[in-house]
Amino acid sequence: MKYAVTYNGDQSVFELQADNQPPITFENHFAVFEYLKDRGLTEPDGDYIYDPVQKRFIFSGQHAL
């Protein structure tokens, strides 16, 4: 599954978009990781970086949409 996580500053929510499905919203990034874990997925190896200019988390390339 390919996915991307972005932060919607206007609504103060994190949005997870996976495999061209409509985005799922979460109130914090911990909930995003729990959702992925419950589906047998994990955070990418290594650290994730939050880019405040782009308002999104940058993950490893294999997980990027």
Protein backbone atom coordinates (compact mmCIF):
# COMPACT_ATOMS: atom_id res chain seq x y z
CA MET A 1 0.00 0.00 0.00
CA LYS A 2 1.31 3.43 -0.89
CA TYR A 3 0.32 6.26 1.38
CA ALA A 4 0.99 9.88 2.18
CA VAL A 5 0.29 11.82 5.34
CA THR A 6 -0.29 15.56 5.25
CA TYR A 7 -1.21 18.13 7.85
CA ASN A 8 -4.19 20.31 7.06
CA GLY A 9 -3.45 23.50 8.97
CA ASP A 10 -6.82 25.05 8.19
CA GLN A 11 -8.69 22.22 9.93
CA SER A 12 -5.87 21.21 12.32
CA VAL A 13 -6.04 17.56 11.27
CA PHE A 14 -3.71 14.99 9.77
CA GLU A 15 -4.92 13.39 6.57
CA LEU A 16 -3.89 9.92 5.46
CA GLN A 17 -4.40 9.16 1.79
CA ALA A 18 -3.78 5.60 0.67
CA ASP A 19 -4.00 3.99 -2.75
CA ASN A 20 -6.01 6.81 -4.34
CA GLN A 21 -8.78 6.53 -1.72
CA PRO A 22 -10.43 9.58 -0.14
CA PRO A 23 -8.33 10.92 2.74
CA ILE A 24 -8.98 9.73 6.29
CA THR A 25 -8.58 12.42 8.96
CA PHE A 26 -6.97 12.10 12.38
CA GLU A 27 -6.54 14.57 15.22
CA ASN A 28 -2.89 13.66 15.86
CA HIS A 29 -0.06 11.78 14.19
CA PHE A 30 -0.07 9.05 16.86
CA ALA A 31 -3.56 8.05 15.68
CA VAL A 32 -2.23 7.80 12.12
CA PHE A 33 0.49 5.38 13.21
CA GLU A 34 -1.99 3.32 15.25
CA TYR A 35 -4.25 3.07 12.20
CA LEU A 36 -1.35 1.85 10.05
CA LYS A 37 -0.21 -0.59 12.74
CA ASP A 38 -3.73 -2.05 13.06
CA ARG A 39 -3.62 -2.83 9.34
CA GLY A 40 -0.29 -4.61 9.56
CA LEU A 41 1.76 -1.66 8.41
CA THR A 42 4.39 0.23 10.35
CA GLU A 43 6.13 3.53 10.22
CA PRO A 44 8.86 3.59 7.60
CA ASP A 45 12.29 2.62 8.90
CA GLY A 46 14.13 5.60 10.31
CA ASP A 47 12.75 8.95 11.27
CA TYR A 48 9.98 10.89 9.62
CA ILE A 49 10.46 14.58 9.04
CA TYR A 50 7.73 17.19 9.38
CA ASP A 51 8.12 19.98 6.84
CA PRO A 52 6.33 23.04 8.27
CA VAL A 53 6.51 24.89 4.95
CA GLN A 54 4.80 22.08 3.03
CA LYS A 55 2.72 21.16 6.10
CA ARG A 56 3.36 17.48 5.60
CA PHE A 57 5.38 14.59 6.92
CA ILE A 58 8.05 13.33 4.58
CA PHE A 59 8.48 9.55 4.68
CA SER A 60 10.85 7.25 2.80
CA GLY A 61 10.34 7.02 -0.95
CA GLN A 62 8.82 3.54 -0.91
CA HIS A 63 5.80 4.89 0.99
CA ALA A 64 5.31 8.09 -0.99
CA LEU A 65 2.39 8.44 -3.36
